[in-house]
Each structure stands twice: as C-alpha cells, then as structure tokens.
Amino acid sequence: MGAMLIMTGCGADRPDSATWRQSWGQMIAVIPDQEDLGSPPQPEKCQEILATVREGTTSLMPAPTNTIDDLVAEWVSVAETAFFECPPREHELQSLEDAYAELDRIEESIETALDN
C-alpha cells in the first residue's frame, strides 16, 4: 500500500496534457524553419535558439507521462546538439537536415503519445 501512495504522489506532480501542450507549443516554435537559419547558419542565431531551448526545458519537465518525459529529453538533446555545434557534425547528426528530421520524428512521437 505504501508503494501505491508513492506512485500516486508522483503522478499528482505531472501537469495535465492541455497545460503542458501550451509549453510544448512554445518550445517547438523556438526552432525556426531551416531556411530561416541561413546557409551557413548564423552563430548568433544558433546561440539564441540554444539558450532558449535550455531555459524552456524546465517548463516541459515533468511531462504528462513518463513516456513523454523520455521523448522530451531526446528532443532537447537533439536540439542542443544541433544548435550548439550549428551545424551539427556528430556521428548520428551530420547536418542540420539530419537534426531537423530527427526533431520532426520526435515531435510526431510526442503528439502520438499525447493523443493516446
């Protein structure tokens, strides 16, 4: 019974989906269209995006579910890599195209998780 109380207590700290969606919408709006970054991307713009992503992360955690927590952490990691290196040059993210494709994939997964 003690474990049930702990689990219930943890769930109570999670925001409802509607409230969280507002914060999520603001976060994904921070990421401009790839064309708006320029080619090559302007370092100042990338640093501004990176700072905003890092600041906004606190409003996204916790998410409505554990599954979404994991997806948000993955999304933030990809965004940080993309805009810290700007353009990314890691093994898995070799370009901004790769980063944007991965961000889109994660965003779709988050939307699916929210709808279920």
PDB file of N, CA and C in Angstrom:
ATOM      1  N   MET A   1       0.820  -1.187   0.000  1.00  0.00           N
ATOM      2  CA  MET A   1       0.000   0.000   0.000  1.00  0.00           C
ATOM      3  C   MET A   1       0.863   1.250   0.000  1.00  0.00           C
ATOM      4  N   GLY A   2       1.999   1.209   0.691  1.00  0.00           N
ATOM      5  CA  GLY A   2       2.910   2.346   0.705  1.00  0.00           C
ATOM      6  C   GLY A   2       3.408   2.691  -0.690  1.00  0.00           C
ATOM      7  N   ALA A   3       3.676   1.657  -1.492  1.00  0.00           N
ATOM      8  CA  ALA A   3       4.143   1.894  -2.860  1.00  0.00           C
ATOM      9  C   ALA A   3       3.053   2.559  -3.686  1.00  0.00           C
ATOM     10  N   MET A   4       1.822   2.194  -3.459  1.00  0.00           N
ATOM     11  CA  MET A   4       0.716   2.803  -4.201  1.00  0.00           C
ATOM     12  C   MET A   4       0.637   4.287  -3.879  1.00  0.00           C
ATOM     13  N   LEU A   5       0.831   4.654  -2.633  1.00  0.00           N
ATOM     14  CA  LEU A   5       0.778   6.059  -2.261  1.00  0.00           C
ATOM     15  C   LEU A   5       1.913   6.839  -2.911  1.00  0.00           C
ATOM     16  N   ILE A   6       3.086   6.258  -2.971  1.00  0.00           N
ATOM     17  CA  ILE A   6       4.230   6.914  -3.599  1.00  0.00           C
ATOM     18  C   ILE A   6       3.950   7.121  -5.085  1.00  0.00           C
ATOM     19  N   MET A   7       3.447   6.094  -5.753  1.00  0.00           N
ATOM     20  CA  MET A   7       3.171   6.211  -7.181  1.00  0.00           C
ATOM     21  C   MET A   7       2.100   7.259  -7.446  1.00  0.00           C
ATOM     22  N   THR A   8       1.070   7.294  -6.604  1.00  0.00           N
ATOM     23  CA  THR A   8       0.018   8.278  -6.774  1.00  0.00           C
ATOM     24  C   THR A   8       0.567   9.671  -6.561  1.00  0.00           C
ATOM     25  N   GLY A   9       1.429   9.820  -5.580  1.00  0.00           N
ATOM     26  CA  GLY A   9       2.031  11.122  -5.296  1.00  0.00           C
ATOM     27  C   GLY A   9       2.859  11.628  -6.458  1.00  0.00           C
ATOM     28  N   CYS A  10       3.606  10.734  -7.110  1.00  0.00           N
ATOM     29  CA  CYS A  10       4.424  11.143  -8.247  1.00  0.00           C
ATOM     30  C   CYS A  10       3.556  11.595  -9.402  1.00  0.00           C
ATOM     31  N   GLY A  11       2.466  10.883  -9.659  1.00  0.00           N
ATOM     32  CA  GLY A  11       1.579  11.235 -10.752  1.00  0.00           C
ATOM     33  C   GLY A  11       0.897  12.575 -10.531  1.00  0.00           C
ATOM     34  N   ALA A  12       0.666  12.928  -9.283  1.00  0.00           N
ATOM     35  CA  ALA A  12      -0.021  14.178  -8.980  1.00  0.00           C
ATOM     36  C   ALA A  12       0.835  15.390  -9.360  1.00  0.00           C
ATOM     37  N   ASP A  13       2.132  15.215  -9.449  1.00  0.00           N
ATOM     38  CA  ASP A  13       3.018  16.319  -9.792  1.00  0.00           C
ATOM     39  C   ASP A  13       3.067  16.582 -11.293  1.00  0.00           C
ATOM     40  N   ARG A  14       2.475  15.744 -12.067  1.00  0.00           N
ATOM     41  CA  ARG A  14       2.518  15.886 -13.525  1.00  0.00           C
ATOM     42  C   ARG A  14       1.423  16.848 -13.978  1.00  0.00           C
ATOM     43  N   PRO A  15       1.749  17.678 -14.959  1.00  0.00           N
ATOM     44  CA  PRO A  15       0.736  18.605 -15.467  1.00  0.00           C
ATOM     45  C   PRO A  15      -0.290  17.869 -16.333  1.00  0.00           C
ATOM     46  N   ASP A  16      -1.448  18.476 -16.492  1.00  0.00           N
ATOM     47  CA  ASP A  16      -2.412  17.883 -17.413  1.00  0.00           C
ATOM     48  C   ASP A  16      -1.936  18.159 -18.839  1.00  0.00           C
ATOM     49  N   SER A  17      -2.425  17.372 -19.771  1.00  0.00           N
ATOM     50  CA  SER A  17      -1.964  17.456 -21.161  1.00  0.00           C
ATOM     51  C   SER A  17      -2.214  18.823 -21.781  1.00  0.00           C
ATOM     52  N   ALA A  18      -3.365  19.420 -21.508  1.00  0.00           N
ATOM     53  CA  ALA A  18      -3.696  20.718 -22.123  1.00  0.00           C
ATOM     54  C   ALA A  18      -2.719  21.803 -21.679  1.00  0.00           C
ATOM     55  N   THR A  19      -2.419  21.844 -20.405  1.00  0.00           N
ATOM     56  CA  THR A  19      -1.481  22.839 -19.886  1.00  0.00           C
ATOM     57  C   THR A  19      -0.090  22.606 -20.454  1.00  0.00           C
ATOM     58  N   TRP A  20       0.326  21.349 -20.465  1.00  0.00           N
ATOM     59  CA  TRP A  20       1.667  21.016 -20.959  1.00  0.00           C
ATOM     60  C   TRP A  20       1.797  21.311 -22.441  1.00  0.00           C
ATOM     61  N   ARG A  21       0.754  21.059 -23.216  1.00  0.00           N
ATOM     62  CA  ARG A  21       0.785  21.311 -24.664  1.00  0.00           C
ATOM     63  C   ARG A  21       1.106  22.775 -24.969  1.00  0.00           C
ATOM     64  N   GLN A  22       0.656  23.687 -24.129  1.00  0.00           N
ATOM     65  CA  GLN A  22       0.959  25.105 -24.339  1.00  0.00           C
ATOM     66  C   GLN A  22       2.460  25.349 -24.245  1.00  0.00           C
ATOM     67  N   SER A  23       3.091  24.796 -23.224  1.00  0.00           N
ATOM     68  CA  SER A  23       4.547  24.943 -23.067  1.00  0.00           C
ATOM     69  C   SER A  23       5.280  24.269 -24.211  1.00  0.00           C
ATOM     70  N   TRP A  24       4.803  23.102 -24.607  1.00  0.00           N
ATOM     71  CA  TRP A  24       5.421  22.365 -25.709  1.00  0.00           C
ATOM     72  C   TRP A  24       5.317  23.163 -27.006  1.00  0.00           C
ATOM     73  N   GLY A  25       4.151  23.726 -27.265  1.00  0.00           N
ATOM     74  CA  GLY A  25       3.955  24.534 -28.465  1.00  0.00           C
ATOM     75  C   GLY A  25       4.896  25.730 -28.511  1.00  0.00           C
ATOM     76  N   GLN A  26       5.105  26.357 -27.367  1.00  0.00           N
ATOM     77  CA  GLN A  26       6.038  27.485 -27.294  1.00  0.00           C
ATOM     78  C   GLN A  26       7.462  27.024 -27.556  1.00  0.00           C
ATOM     79  N   MET A  27       7.807  25.847 -27.056  1.00  0.00           N
ATOM     80  CA  MET A  27       9.165  25.340 -27.245  1.00  0.00           C
ATOM     81  C   MET A  27       9.433  25.016 -28.709  1.00  0.00           C
ATOM     82  N   ILE A  28       8.539  24.298 -29.345  1.00  0.00           N
ATOM     83  CA  ILE A  28       8.823  23.929 -30.730  1.00  0.00           C
ATOM     84  C   ILE A  28       8.762  25.143 -31.656  1.00  0.00           C
ATOM     85  N   ALA A  29       8.055  26.189 -31.248  1.00  0.00           N
ATOM     86  CA  ALA A  29       8.009  27.419 -32.046  1.00  0.00           C
ATOM     87  C   ALA A  29       9.346  28.162 -32.023  1.00  0.00           C
ATOM     88  N   VAL A  30      10.181  27.861 -31.045  1.00  0.00           N
ATOM     89  CA  VAL A  30      11.508  28.484 -30.927  1.00  0.00           C
ATOM     90  C   VAL A  30      12.415  28.054 -32.076  1.00  0.00           C
ATOM     91  N   ILE A  31      12.190  26.845 -32.575  1.00  0.00           N
ATOM     92  CA  ILE A  31      13.034  26.310 -33.644  1.00  0.00           C
ATOM     93  C   ILE A  31      12.542  26.871 -34.974  1.00  0.00           C
ATOM     94  N   PRO A  32      13.339  27.706 -35.617  1.00  0.00           N
ATOM     95  CA  PRO A  32      12.894  28.294 -36.884  1.00  0.00           C
ATOM     96  C   PRO A  32      12.949  27.278 -38.019  1.00  0.00           C
ATOM     97  N   ASP A  33      12.284  27.606 -39.095  1.00  0.00           N
ATOM     98  CA  ASP A  33      12.438  26.792 -40.295  1.00  0.00           C
ATOM     99  C   ASP A  33      13.912  26.802 -40.670  1.00  0.00           C
ATOM    100  N   GLN A  34      14.364  25.700 -41.191  1.00  0.00           N
ATOM    101  CA  GLN A  34      15.779  25.566 -41.527  1.00  0.00           C
ATOM    102  C   GLN A  34      16.235  26.672 -42.479  1.00  0.00           C
ATOM    103  N   GLU A  35      15.398  27.045 -43.420  1.00  0.00           N
ATOM    104  CA  GLU A  35      15.750  28.083 -44.391  1.00  0.00           C
ATOM    105  C   GLU A  35      16.005  29.430 -43.706  1.00  0.00           C
ATOM    106  N   ASP A  36      15.318  29.675 -42.583  1.00  0.00           N
ATOM    107  CA  ASP A  36      15.466  30.947 -41.868  1.00  0.00           C
ATOM    108  C   ASP A  36      16.781  31.059 -41.114  1.00  0.00           C
ATOM    109  N   LEU A  37      17.481  29.950 -40.929  1.00  0.00           N
ATOM    110  CA  LEU A  37      18.786  29.993 -40.248  1.00  0.00           C
ATOM    111  C   LEU A  37      19.880  30.543 -41.149  1.00  0.00           C
ATOM    112  N   GLY A  38      19.689  30.402 -42.435  1.00  0.00           N
ATOM    113  CA  GLY A  38      20.718  30.822 -43.379  1.00  0.00           C
ATOM    114  C   GLY A  38      21.670  29.684 -43.677  1.00  0.00           C
ATOM    115  N   SER A  39      22.454  29.875 -44.711  1.00  0.00           N
ATOM    116  CA  SER A  39      23.418  28.860 -45.093  1.00  0.00           C
ATOM    117  C   SER A  39      24.737  29.536 -45.431  1.00  0.00           C
ATOM    118  N   PRO A  40      25.726  29.429 -44.589  1.00  0.00           N
ATOM    119  CA  PRO A  40      25.715  28.682 -43.323  1.00  0.00           C
ATOM    120  C   PRO A  40      24.904  29.416 -42.259  1.00  0.00           C
ATOM    121  N   PRO A  41      24.495  28.689 -41.211  1.00  0.00           N
ATOM    122  CA  PRO A  41      23.704  29.301 -40.139  1.00  0.00           C
ATOM    123  C   PRO A  41      24.507  30.391 -39.430  1.00  0.00           C
ATOM    124  N   GLN A  42      23.794  31.415 -38.985  1.00  0.00           N
ATOM    125  CA  GLN A  42      24.433  32.488 -38.240  1.00  0.00           C
ATOM    126  C   GLN A  42      24.681  32.016 -36.803  1.00  0.00           C
ATOM    127  N   PRO A  43      25.941  32.033 -36.348  1.00  0.00           N
ATOM    128  CA  PRO A  43      26.250  31.551 -34.995  1.00  0.00           C
ATOM    129  C   PRO A  43      25.442  32.251 -33.898  1.00  0.00           C
ATOM    130  N   GLU A  44      25.199  33.539 -34.047  1.00  0.00           N
ATOM    131  CA  GLU A  44      24.439  34.267 -33.033  1.00  0.00           C
ATOM    132  C   GLU A  44      23.016  33.740 -32.918  1.00  0.00           C
ATOM    133  N   LYS A  45      22.409  33.440 -34.058  1.00  0.00           N
ATOM    134  CA  LYS A  45      21.050  32.910 -34.072  1.00  0.00           C
ATOM    135  C   LYS A  45      21.017  31.529 -33.418  1.00  0.00           C
ATOM    136  N   CYS A  46      22.001  30.713 -33.726  1.00  0.00           N
ATOM    137  CA  CYS A  46      22.078  29.378 -33.120  1.00  0.00           C
ATOM    138  C   CYS A  46      22.236  29.464 -31.608  1.00  0.00           C
ATOM    139  N   GLN A  47      23.069  30.374 -31.139  1.00  0.00           N
ATOM    140  CA  GLN A  47      23.270  30.530 -29.698  1.00  0.00           C
ATOM    141  C   GLN A  47      21.999  31.010 -29.009  1.00  0.00           C
ATOM    142  N   GLU A  48      21.266  31.880 -29.671  1.00  0.00           N
ATOM    143  CA  GLU A  48      19.998  32.368 -29.128  1.00  0.00           C
ATOM    144  C   GLU A  48      18.991  31.221 -29.005  1.00  0.00           C
ATOM    145  N   ILE A  49      18.900  30.400 -30.029  1.00  0.00           N
ATOM    146  CA  ILE A  49      17.991  29.248 -30.002  1.00  0.00           C
ATOM    147  C   ILE A  49      18.411  28.272 -28.908  1.00  0.00           C
ATOM    148  N   LEU A  50      19.708  27.992 -28.824  1.00  0.00           N
ATOM    149  CA  LEU A  50      20.226  27.080 -27.810  1.00  0.00           C
ATOM    150  C   LEU A  50      19.872  27.567 -26.406  1.00  0.00           C
ATOM    151  N   ALA A  51      20.076  28.837 -26.148  1.00  0.00           N
ATOM    152  CA  ALA A  51      19.774  29.394 -24.821  1.00  0.00           C
ATOM    153  C   ALA A  51      18.283  29.272 -24.506  1.00  0.00           C
ATOM    154  N   THR A  52      17.449  29.550 -25.477  1.00  0.00           N
ATOM    155  CA  THR A  52      16.002  29.471 -25.266  1.00  0.00           C
ATOM    156  C   THR A  52      15.559  28.034 -25.023  1.00  0.00           C
ATOM    157  N   VAL A  53      16.128  27.084 -25.762  1.00  0.00           N
ATOM    158  CA  VAL A  53      15.801  25.670 -25.543  1.00  0.00           C
ATOM    159  C   VAL A  53      16.198  25.268 -24.127  1.00  0.00           C
ATOM    160  N   ARG A  54      17.392  25.639 -23.708  1.00  0.00           N
ATOM    161  CA  ARG A  54      17.847  25.263 -22.358  1.00  0.00           C
ATOM    162  C   ARG A  54      16.977  25.893 -21.279  1.00  0.00           C
ATOM    163  N   GLU A  55      16.596  27.150 -21.459  1.00  0.00           N
ATOM    164  CA  GLU A  55      15.742  27.814 -20.472  1.00  0.00           C
ATOM    165  C   GLU A  55      14.342  27.200 -20.436  1.00  0.00           C
ATOM    166  N   GLY A  56      13.812  26.852 -21.608  1.00  0.00           N
ATOM    167  CA  GLY A  56      12.452  26.339 -21.688  1.00  0.00           C
ATOM    168  C   GLY A  56      12.285  24.906 -21.245  1.00  0.00           C
ATOM    169  N   THR A  57      13.370  24.193 -21.131  1.00  0.00           N
ATOM    170  CA  THR A  57      13.299  22.779 -20.759  1.00  0.00           C
ATOM    171  C   THR A  57      12.619  22.588 -19.405  1.00  0.00           C
ATOM    172  N   THR A  58      12.840  23.487 -18.480  1.00  0.00           N
ATOM    173  CA  THR A  58      12.255  23.334 -17.147  1.00  0.00           C
ATOM    174  C   THR A  58      10.732  23.370 -17.177  1.00  0.00           C
ATOM    175  N   SER A  59      10.149  24.072 -18.143  1.00  0.00           N
ATOM    176  CA  SER A  59       8.688  24.122 -18.217  1.00  0.00           C
ATOM    177  C   SER A  59       8.098  22.855 -18.834  1.00  0.00           C
ATOM    178  N   LEU A  60       8.955  22.004 -19.397  1.00  0.00           N
ATOM    179  CA  LEU A  60       8.481  20.781 -20.042  1.00  0.00           C
ATOM    180  C   LEU A  60       8.631  19.544 -19.174  1.00  0.00           C
ATOM    181  N   MET A  61       9.364  19.673 -18.086  1.00  0.00           N
ATOM    182  CA  MET A  61       9.610  18.520 -17.231  1.00  0.00           C
ATOM    183  C   MET A  61       9.086  18.802 -15.838  1.00  0.00           C
ATOM    184  N   PRO A  62       8.252  17.952 -15.304  1.00  0.00           N
ATOM    185  CA  PRO A  62       7.836  16.697 -15.897  1.00  0.00           C
ATOM    186  C   PRO A  62       6.770  16.925 -16.964  1.00  0.00           C
ATOM    187  N   ALA A  63       6.658  15.958 -17.837  1.00  0.00           N
ATOM    188  CA  ALA A  63       5.616  15.936 -18.861  1.00  0.00           C
ATOM    189  C   ALA A  63       4.423  15.155 -18.313  1.00  0.00           C
ATOM    190  N   PRO A  64       3.344  15.102 -19.064  1.00  0.00           N
ATOM    191  CA  PRO A  64       2.172  14.370 -18.561  1.00  0.00           C
ATOM    192  C   PRO A  64       2.401  12.886 -18.283  1.00  0.00           C
ATOM    193  N   THR A  65       3.371  12.247 -18.977  1.00  0.00           N
ATOM    194  CA  THR A  65       3.650  10.827 -18.737  1.00  0.00           C
ATOM    195  C   THR A  65       5.158  10.580 -18.781  1.00  0.00           C
ATOM    196  N   ASN A  66       5.568   9.427 -18.245  1.00  0.00           N
ATOM    197  CA  ASN A  66       6.981   9.035 -18.304  1.00  0.00           C
ATOM    198  C   ASN A  66       7.466   8.883 -19.738  1.00  0.00           C
ATOM    199  N   THR A  67       6.616   8.342 -20.592  1.00  0.00           N
ATOM    200  CA  THR A  67       6.981   8.159 -21.995  1.00  0.00           C
ATOM    201  C   THR A  67       7.315   9.499 -22.641  1.00  0.00           C
ATOM    202  N   ILE A  68       6.488  10.483 -22.365  1.00  0.00           N
ATOM    203  CA  ILE A  68       6.730  11.810 -22.930  1.00  0.00           C
ATOM    204  C   ILE A  68       7.976  12.434 -22.308  1.00  0.00           C
ATOM    205  N   ASP A  69       8.236  12.182 -21.029  1.00  0.00           N
ATOM    206  CA  ASP A  69       9.481  12.657 -20.405  1.00  0.00           C
ATOM    207  C   ASP A  69      10.686  12.212 -21.224  1.00  0.00           C
ATOM    208  N   ASP A  70      10.704  10.928 -21.567  1.00  0.00           N
ATOM    209  CA  ASP A  70      11.834  10.375 -22.317  1.00  0.00           C
ATOM    210  C   ASP A  70      11.948  11.000 -23.704  1.00  0.00           C
ATOM    211  N   LEU A  71      10.825  11.195 -24.358  1.00  0.00           N
ATOM    212  CA  LEU A  71      10.831  11.802 -25.690  1.00  0.00           C
ATOM    213  C   LEU A  71      11.284  13.260 -25.640  1.00  0.00           C
ATOM    214  N   VAL A  72      10.831  13.981 -24.628  1.00  0.00           N
ATOM    215  CA  VAL A  72      11.252  15.389 -24.475  1.00  0.00           C
ATOM    216  C   VAL A  72      12.752  15.454 -24.229  1.00  0.00           C
ATOM    217  N   ALA A  73      13.263  14.585 -23.383  1.00  0.00           N
ATOM    218  CA  ALA A  73      14.710  14.562 -23.120  1.00  0.00           C
ATOM    219  C   ALA A  73      15.478  14.294 -24.413  1.00  0.00           C
ATOM    220  N   GLU A  74      14.970  13.388 -25.229  1.00  0.00           N
ATOM    221  CA  GLU A  74      15.611  13.093 -26.514  1.00  0.00           C
ATOM    222  C   GLU A  74      15.542  14.304 -27.443  1.00  0.00           C
ATOM    223  N   TRP A  75      14.386  14.964 -27.507  1.00  0.00           N
ATOM    224  CA  TRP A  75      14.205  16.138 -28.353  1.00  0.00           C
ATOM    225  C   TRP A  75      15.162  17.251 -27.938  1.00  0.00           C
ATOM    226  N   VAL A  76      15.242  17.494 -26.633  1.00  0.00           N
ATOM    227  CA  VAL A  76      16.136  18.541 -26.122  1.00  0.00           C
ATOM    228  C   VAL A  76      17.588  18.213 -26.464  1.00  0.00           C
ATOM    229  N   SER A  77      17.970  16.962 -26.325  1.00  0.00           N
ATOM    230  CA  SER A  77      19.336  16.550 -26.646  1.00  0.00           C
ATOM    231  C   SER A  77      19.668  16.817 -28.111  1.00  0.00           C
ATOM    232  N   VAL A  78      18.752  16.478 -29.000  1.00  0.00           N
ATOM    233  CA  VAL A  78      18.973  16.710 -30.429  1.00  0.00           C
ATOM    234  C   VAL A  78      19.054  18.211 -30.709  1.00  0.00           C
ATOM    235  N   ALA A  79      18.139  18.975 -30.138  1.00  0.00           N
ATOM    236  CA  ALA A  79      18.139  20.431 -30.354  1.00  0.00           C
ATOM    237  C   ALA A  79      19.421  21.055 -29.821  1.00  0.00           C
ATOM    238  N   GLU A  80      19.849  20.633 -28.630  1.00  0.00           N
ATOM    239  CA  GLU A  80      21.089  21.179 -28.071  1.00  0.00           C
ATOM    240  C   GLU A  80      22.289  20.850 -28.956  1.00  0.00           C
ATOM    241  N   THR A  81      22.365  19.638 -29.426  1.00  0.00           N
ATOM    242  CA  THR A  81      23.469  19.248 -30.306  1.00  0.00           C
ATOM    243  C   THR A  81      23.449  20.063 -31.591  1.00  0.00           C
ATOM    244  N   ALA A  82      22.268  20.179 -32.185  1.00  0.00           N
ATOM    245  CA  ALA A  82      22.149  20.895 -33.459  1.00  0.00           C
ATOM    246  C   ALA A  82      22.550  22.355 -33.327  1.00  0.00           C
ATOM    247  N   PHE A  83      22.099  23.014 -32.285  1.00  0.00           N
ATOM    248  CA  PHE A  83      22.318  24.450 -32.188  1.00  0.00           C
ATOM    249  C   PHE A  83      23.567  24.817 -31.402  1.00  0.00           C
ATOM    250  N   PHE A  84      24.159  23.862 -30.711  1.00  0.00           N
ATOM    251  CA  PHE A  84      25.456  24.113 -30.077  1.00  0.00           C
ATOM    252  C   PHE A  84      26.553  24.056 -31.133  1.00  0.00           C
ATOM    253  N   GLU A  85      26.526  23.011 -31.938  1.00  0.00           N
ATOM    254  CA  GLU A  85      27.551  22.857 -32.977  1.00  0.00           C
ATOM    255  C   GLU A  85      27.235  23.721 -34.190  1.00  0.00           C
ATOM    256  N   CYS A  86      26.024  23.796 -34.591  1.00  0.00           N
ATOM    257  CA  CYS A  86      25.452  24.665 -35.616  1.00  0.00           C
ATOM    258  C   CYS A  86      26.345  24.930 -36.824  1.00  0.00           C
ATOM    259  N   PRO A  87      26.393  24.099 -37.782  1.00  0.00           N
ATOM    260  CA  PRO A  87      25.611  22.880 -37.948  1.00  0.00           C
ATOM    261  C   PRO A  87      26.253  21.707 -37.222  1.00  0.00           C
ATOM    262  N   PRO A  88      25.435  20.707 -36.872  1.00  0.00           N
ATOM    263  CA  PRO A  88      25.966  19.543 -36.158  1.00  0.00           C
ATOM    264  C   PRO A  88      26.932  18.743 -37.026  1.00  0.00           C
ATOM    265  N   ARG A  89      27.880  18.094 -36.335  1.00  0.00           N
ATOM    266  CA  ARG A  89      28.876  17.285 -37.041  1.00  0.00           C
ATOM    267  C   ARG A  89      29.137  15.974 -36.313  1.00  0.00           C
ATOM    268  N   GLU A  90      28.168  15.545 -35.505  1.00  0.00           N
ATOM    269  CA  GLU A  90      28.326  14.289 -34.771  1.00  0.00           C
ATOM    270  C   GLU A  90      28.081  13.101 -35.684  1.00  0.00           C
ATOM    271  N   HIS A  91      28.375  11.942 -35.157  1.00  0.00           N
ATOM    272  CA  HIS A  91      28.193  10.693 -35.909  1.00  0.00           C
ATOM    273  C   HIS A  91      26.738  10.519 -36.361  1.00  0.00           C
ATOM    274  N   GLU A  92      25.783  10.718 -35.434  1.00  0.00           N
ATOM    275  CA  GLU A  92      24.377  10.492 -35.771  1.00  0.00           C
ATOM    276  C   GLU A  92      23.728  11.704 -36.428  1.00  0.00           C
ATOM    277  N   LEU A  93      24.187  12.892 -36.088  1.00  0.00           N
ATOM    278  CA  LEU A  93      23.646  14.117 -36.679  1.00  0.00           C
ATOM    279  C   LEU A  93      24.763  14.796 -37.452  1.00  0.00           C
ATOM    280  N   GLN A  94      24.809  14.526 -38.713  1.00  0.00           N
ATOM    281  CA  GLN A  94      25.908  15.051 -39.517  1.00  0.00           C
ATOM    282  C   GLN A  94      25.568  16.363 -40.199  1.00  0.00           C
ATOM    283  N   SER A  95      24.321  16.794 -40.087  1.00  0.00           N
ATOM    284  CA  SER A  95      23.916  18.025 -40.746  1.00  0.00           C
ATOM    285  C   SER A  95      22.659  18.577 -40.084  1.00  0.00           C
ATOM    286  N   LEU A  96      22.322  19.801 -40.426  1.00  0.00           N
ATOM    287  CA  LEU A  96      21.066  20.364 -39.935  1.00  0.00           C
ATOM    288  C   LEU A  96      19.874  19.599 -40.496  1.00  0.00           C
ATOM    289  N   GLU A  97      19.998  19.091 -41.711  1.00  0.00           N
ATOM    290  CA  GLU A  97      18.917  18.294 -42.280  1.00  0.00           C
ATOM    291  C   GLU A  97      18.636  17.074 -41.413  1.00  0.00           C
ATOM    292  N   ASP A  98      19.702  16.409 -40.968  1.00  0.00           N
ATOM    293  CA  ASP A  98      19.546  15.256 -40.080  1.00  0.00           C
ATOM    294  C   ASP A  98      18.877  15.681 -38.766  1.00  0.00           C
ATOM    295  N   ALA A  99      19.325  16.798 -38.206  1.00  0.00           N
ATOM    296  CA  ALA A  99      18.786  17.275 -36.934  1.00  0.00           C
ATOM    297  C   ALA A  99      17.304  17.621 -37.066  1.00  0.00           C
ATOM    298  N   TYR A 100      16.948  18.343 -38.118  1.00  0.00           N
ATOM    299  CA  TYR A 100      15.547  18.705 -38.317  1.00  0.00           C
ATOM    300  C   TYR A 100      14.681  17.471 -38.545  1.00  0.00           C
ATOM    301  N   ALA A 101      15.165  16.500 -39.274  1.00  0.00           N
ATOM    302  CA  ALA A 101      14.411  15.265 -39.495  1.00  0.00           C
ATOM    303  C   ALA A 101      14.193  14.530 -38.173  1.00  0.00           C
ATOM    304  N   GLU A 102      15.210  14.495 -37.349  1.00  0.00           N
ATOM    305  CA  GLU A 102      15.094  13.822 -36.050  1.00  0.00           C
ATOM    306  C   GLU A 102      14.147  14.582 -35.121  1.00  0.00           C
ATOM    307  N   LEU A 103      14.236  15.904 -35.096  1.00  0.00           N
ATOM    308  CA  LEU A 103      13.315  16.704 -34.281  1.00  0.00           C
ATOM    309  C   LEU A 103      11.875  16.459 -34.731  1.00  0.00           C
ATOM    310  N   ASP A 104      11.639  16.437 -36.037  1.00  0.00           N
ATOM    311  CA  ASP A 104      10.292  16.173 -36.554  1.00  0.00           C
ATOM    312  C   ASP A 104       9.791  14.802 -36.129  1.00  0.00           C
ATOM    313  N   ARG A 105      10.667  13.796 -36.208  1.00  0.00           N
ATOM    314  CA  ARG A 105      10.277  12.433 -35.820  1.00  0.00           C
ATOM    315  C   ARG A 105       9.871  12.387 -34.347  1.00  0.00           C
ATOM    316  N   ILE A 106      10.659  13.046 -33.500  1.00  0.00           N
ATOM    317  CA  ILE A 106      10.367  13.036 -32.066  1.00  0.00           C
ATOM    318  C   ILE A 106       9.085  13.822 -31.771  1.00  0.00           C
ATOM    319  N   GLU A 107       8.907  14.950 -32.447  1.00  0.00           N
ATOM    320  CA  GLU A 107       7.681  15.734 -32.263  1.00  0.00           C
ATOM    321  C   GLU A 107       6.448  14.903 -32.616  1.00  0.00           C
ATOM    322  N   GLU A 108       6.518  14.140 -33.695  1.00  0.00           N
ATOM    323  CA  GLU A 108       5.400  13.270 -34.076  1.00  0.00           C
ATOM    324  C   GLU A 108       5.144  12.211 -33.007  1.00  0.00           C
ATOM    325  N   SER A 109       6.214  11.672 -32.441  1.00  0.00           N
ATOM    326  CA  SER A 109       6.060  10.665 -31.374  1.00  0.00           C
ATOM    327  C   SER A 109       5.414  11.274 -30.143  1.00  0.00           C
ATOM    328  N   ILE A 110       5.781  12.487 -29.823  1.00  0.00           N
ATOM    329  CA  ILE A 110       5.183  13.171 -28.675  1.00  0.00           C
ATOM    330  C   ILE A 110       3.702  13.417 -28.924  1.00  0.00           C
ATOM    331  N   GLU A 111       3.354  13.883 -30.104  1.00  0.00           N
ATOM    332  CA  GLU A 111       1.943  14.118 -30.440  1.00  0.00           C
ATOM    333  C   GLU A 111       1.141  12.822 -30.355  1.00  0.00           C
ATOM    334  N   THR A 112       1.711  11.743 -30.844  1.00  0.00           N
ATOM    335  CA  THR A 112       1.036  10.438 -30.774  1.00  0.00           C
ATOM    336  C   THR A 112       0.828  10.034 -29.321  1.00  0.00           C
ATOM    337  N   ALA A 113       1.858  10.203 -28.492  1.00  0.00           N
ATOM    338  CA  ALA A 113       1.746   9.842 -27.069  1.00  0.00           C
ATOM    339  C   ALA A 113       0.706  10.710 -26.353  1.00  0.00           C
ATOM    340  N   LEU A 114       0.629  11.974 -26.724  1.00  0.00           N
ATOM    341  CA  LEU A 114      -0.364  12.860 -26.104  1.00  0.00           C
ATOM    342  C   LEU A 114      -1.792  12.471 -26.485  1.00  0.00           C
ATOM    343  N   ASP A 115      -1.949  12.003 -27.708  1.00  0.00           N
ATOM    344  CA  ASP A 115      -3.281  11.652 -28.200  1.00  0.00           C
ATOM    345  C   ASP A 115      -3.778  10.309 -27.673  1.00  0.00           C
ATOM    346  N   ASN A 116      -2.890   9.505 -27.107  1.00  0.00           N
ATOM    347  CA  ASN A 116      -3.291   8.185 -26.596  1.00  0.00           C
ATOM    348  C   ASN A 116      -3.625   8.235 -25.123  1.00  0.00           C
TER     349      ASN A 116
END
